[in-house]
Amino acid sequence: MSYYQRHLFICVNQREANAERTCCANCGSQELLAYAKSKIKSKGLNGPGKLRINGSRCMDRCEQGPVCVVYPDAVWYTYIDESDLDEIIDSHLLAGIPVERLRLG
């Protein structure tokens, strides 16, 4: 058994202003990470045997961003706002059902 039931990594990488590629931080990923962490914590869903949400550096899918990935399922997502993260948390992290409309190929 895995230490966590599911683990969501949210890219919060910030590139320099003159970088050739975009970055997830330019899409508000740091604030959305804080939101997602707060949501699972407030519901008592975090911790060993439960869920974990972490920020990550660049996952090299910048042009599809902002991006996140759920392990151990290895399902990649893009998202826009809190409601998208709510759907990922409620459907995938809690119920085990991937959110097809947000899924990256």
C-alpha atoms as a PDB file:
ATOM      1  CA  MET A   1       0.000   0.000   0.000  1.00  0.00           C
ATOM      2  CA  SER A   2       1.196   3.490  -0.830  1.00  0.00           C
ATOM      3  CA  TYR A   3       1.884   5.948   2.000  1.00  0.00           C
ATOM      4  CA  TYR A   4      -0.827   8.209   0.552  1.00  0.00           C
ATOM      5  CA  GLN A   5      -3.967   6.979  -1.144  1.00  0.00           C
ATOM      6  CA  ARG A   6      -3.445   9.607  -3.857  1.00  0.00           C
ATOM      7  CA  HIS A   7      -0.919  12.393  -4.282  1.00  0.00           C
ATOM      8  CA  LEU A   8      -1.612  15.523  -6.354  1.00  0.00           C
ATOM      9  CA  PHE A   9       1.368  17.514  -7.600  1.00  0.00           C
ATOM     10  CA  ILE A  10       0.590  21.036  -8.840  1.00  0.00           C
ATOM     11  CA  CYS A  11       3.246  22.837 -10.860  1.00  0.00           C
ATOM     12  CA  VAL A  12       4.066  26.257  -9.417  1.00  0.00           C
ATOM     13  CA  ASN A  13       7.182  26.919 -11.467  1.00  0.00           C
ATOM     14  CA  GLN A  14       7.964  30.586 -12.119  1.00  0.00           C
ATOM     15  CA  ARG A  15      10.109  31.536 -15.117  1.00  0.00           C
ATOM     16  CA  GLU A  16      11.833  34.855 -15.586  1.00  0.00           C
ATOM     17  CA  ALA A  17       9.783  37.585 -17.266  1.00  0.00           C
ATOM     18  CA  ASN A  18      11.754  37.367 -20.527  1.00  0.00           C
ATOM     19  CA  ALA A  19      11.688  33.547 -20.761  1.00  0.00           C
ATOM     20  CA  GLU A  20      10.829  31.990 -24.116  1.00  0.00           C
ATOM     21  CA  ARG A  21       8.301  29.609 -22.553  1.00  0.00           C
ATOM     22  CA  THR A  22       5.310  30.369 -20.375  1.00  0.00           C
ATOM     23  CA  CYS A  23       4.983  28.966 -16.860  1.00  0.00           C
ATOM     24  CA  CYS A  24       2.253  27.654 -14.592  1.00  0.00           C
ATOM     25  CA  ALA A  25       2.849  30.375 -11.976  1.00  0.00           C
ATOM     26  CA  ASN A  26       1.690  32.967 -14.530  1.00  0.00           C
ATOM     27  CA  CYS A  27      -1.706  31.220 -14.426  1.00  0.00           C
ATOM     28  CA  GLY A  28      -2.145  31.582 -10.665  1.00  0.00           C
ATOM     29  CA  SER A  29      -0.997  28.080  -9.771  1.00  0.00           C
ATOM     30  CA  GLN A  30       0.556  29.129  -6.444  1.00  0.00           C
ATOM     31  CA  GLU A  31      -2.758  30.534  -5.195  1.00  0.00           C
ATOM     32  CA  LEU A  32      -4.635  27.510  -6.513  1.00  0.00           C
ATOM     33  CA  LEU A  33      -2.185  25.179  -4.752  1.00  0.00           C
ATOM     34  CA  ALA A  34      -2.911  26.968  -1.473  1.00  0.00           C
ATOM     35  CA  TYR A  35      -6.645  26.632  -2.145  1.00  0.00           C
ATOM     36  CA  ALA A  36      -6.437  22.873  -2.849  1.00  0.00           C
ATOM     37  CA  LYS A  37      -4.291  22.210   0.223  1.00  0.00           C
ATOM     38  CA  SER A  38      -6.665  24.190   2.407  1.00  0.00           C
ATOM     39  CA  LYS A  39      -9.676  22.332   1.021  1.00  0.00           C
ATOM     40  CA  ILE A  40      -8.441  18.841   1.859  1.00  0.00           C
ATOM     41  CA  LYS A  41      -7.049  19.958   5.212  1.00  0.00           C
ATOM     42  CA  SER A  42     -10.343  21.562   6.269  1.00  0.00           C
ATOM     43  CA  LYS A  43     -12.156  18.297   5.502  1.00  0.00           C
ATOM     44  CA  GLY A  44      -9.611  16.149   7.359  1.00  0.00           C
ATOM     45  CA  LEU A  45      -8.632  14.383   4.151  1.00  0.00           C
ATOM     46  CA  ASN A  46      -4.863  14.943   4.396  1.00  0.00           C
ATOM     47  CA  GLY A  47      -2.271  12.716   5.981  1.00  0.00           C
ATOM     48  CA  PRO A  48      -0.923   9.155   5.836  1.00  0.00           C
ATOM     49  CA  GLY A  49      -3.324   6.763   4.126  1.00  0.00           C
ATOM     50  CA  LYS A  50      -5.311   9.715   2.822  1.00  0.00           C
ATOM     51  CA  LEU A  51      -4.486  12.507   0.375  1.00  0.00           C
ATOM     52  CA  ARG A  52      -1.455  14.734  -0.132  1.00  0.00           C
ATOM     53  CA  ILE A  53      -1.160  17.875  -2.259  1.00  0.00           C
ATOM     54  CA  ASN A  54       2.256  19.331  -3.054  1.00  0.00           C
ATOM     55  CA  GLY A  55       3.672  22.070  -5.203  1.00  0.00           C
ATOM     56  CA  SER A  56       6.131  21.015  -7.859  1.00  0.00           C
ATOM     57  CA  ARG A  57       8.710  22.731  -9.990  1.00  0.00           C
ATOM     58  CA  CYS A  58       8.561  22.507 -13.768  1.00  0.00           C
ATOM     59  CA  MET A  59       6.938  19.368 -15.161  1.00  0.00           C
ATOM     60  CA  ASP A  60       7.882  20.377 -18.733  1.00  0.00           C
ATOM     61  CA  ARG A  61       4.312  20.644 -20.007  1.00  0.00           C
ATOM     62  CA  CYS A  62       4.310  24.429 -19.791  1.00  0.00           C
ATOM     63  CA  GLU A  63       2.334  25.118 -22.948  1.00  0.00           C
ATOM     64  CA  GLN A  64      -0.525  22.947 -21.632  1.00  0.00           C
ATOM     65  CA  GLY A  65      -0.546  24.664 -18.252  1.00  0.00           C
ATOM     66  CA  PRO A  66      -1.281  25.142 -15.641  1.00  0.00           C
ATOM     67  CA  VAL A  67      -0.758  21.431 -15.047  1.00  0.00           C
ATOM     68  CA  CYS A  68      -1.032  18.928 -12.240  1.00  0.00           C
ATOM     69  CA  VAL A  69      -0.666  15.156 -11.968  1.00  0.00           C
ATOM     70  CA  VAL A  70      -2.259  12.539  -9.705  1.00  0.00           C
ATOM     71  CA  TYR A  71      -0.177   9.619  -8.476  1.00  0.00           C
ATOM     72  CA  PRO A  72      -0.120   6.651  -8.250  1.00  0.00           C
ATOM     73  CA  ASP A  73      -2.545   6.864 -11.198  1.00  0.00           C
ATOM     74  CA  ALA A  74      -0.226   8.993 -13.381  1.00  0.00           C
ATOM     75  CA  VAL A  75      -3.156  11.060 -14.691  1.00  0.00           C
ATOM     76  CA  TRP A  76      -2.241  14.531 -15.942  1.00  0.00           C
ATOM     77  CA  TYR A  77      -4.612  17.498 -15.900  1.00  0.00           C
ATOM     78  CA  THR A  78      -4.873  21.090 -16.906  1.00  0.00           C
ATOM     79  CA  TYR A  79      -7.195  23.367 -14.954  1.00  0.00           C
ATOM     80  CA  ILE A  80      -8.332  26.985 -14.867  1.00  0.00           C
ATOM     81  CA  ASP A  81      -9.781  27.770 -11.471  1.00  0.00           C
ATOM     82  CA  GLU A  82     -10.945  26.532  -8.070  1.00  0.00           C
ATOM     83  CA  SER A  83     -13.977  24.769  -9.526  1.00  0.00           C
ATOM     84  CA  ASP A  84     -11.724  22.658 -11.783  1.00  0.00           C
ATOM     85  CA  LEU A  85      -9.566  21.706  -8.786  1.00  0.00           C
ATOM     86  CA  ASP A  86     -12.723  20.927  -6.785  1.00  0.00           C
ATOM     87  CA  GLU A  87     -13.758  18.527  -9.534  1.00  0.00           C
ATOM     88  CA  ILE A  88     -10.326  16.860  -9.623  1.00  0.00           C
ATOM     89  CA  ILE A  89     -10.309  16.486  -5.835  1.00  0.00           C
ATOM     90  CA  ASP A  90     -13.906  15.265  -5.507  1.00  0.00           C
ATOM     91  CA  SER A  91     -14.006  13.002  -8.547  1.00  0.00           C
ATOM     92  CA  HIS A  92     -10.466  11.666  -8.876  1.00  0.00           C
ATOM     93  CA  LEU A  93      -8.738  11.996  -5.518  1.00  0.00           C
ATOM     94  CA  LEU A  94     -11.746  10.929  -3.457  1.00  0.00           C
ATOM     95  CA  ALA A  95     -13.824   8.733  -5.787  1.00  0.00           C
ATOM     96  CA  GLY A  96     -11.078   7.408  -8.078  1.00  0.00           C
ATOM     97  CA  ILE A  97     -12.832   8.642 -11.230  1.00  0.00           C
ATOM     98  CA  PRO A  98     -10.599  10.707 -13.547  1.00  0.00           C
ATOM     99  CA  VAL A  99     -12.041  13.978 -14.875  1.00  0.00           C
ATOM    100  CA  GLU A 100     -11.938  13.384 -18.621  1.00  0.00           C
ATOM    101  CA  ARG A 101     -12.703  16.975 -19.671  1.00  0.00           C
ATOM    102  CA  LEU A 102      -9.543  18.236 -17.896  1.00  0.00           C
ATOM    103  CA  ARG A 103      -7.299  15.289 -18.691  1.00  0.00           C
ATOM    104  CA  LEU A 104      -4.156  15.775 -20.754  1.00  0.00           C
ATOM    105  CA  GLY A 105      -3.087  13.146 -23.260  1.00  0.00           C
END
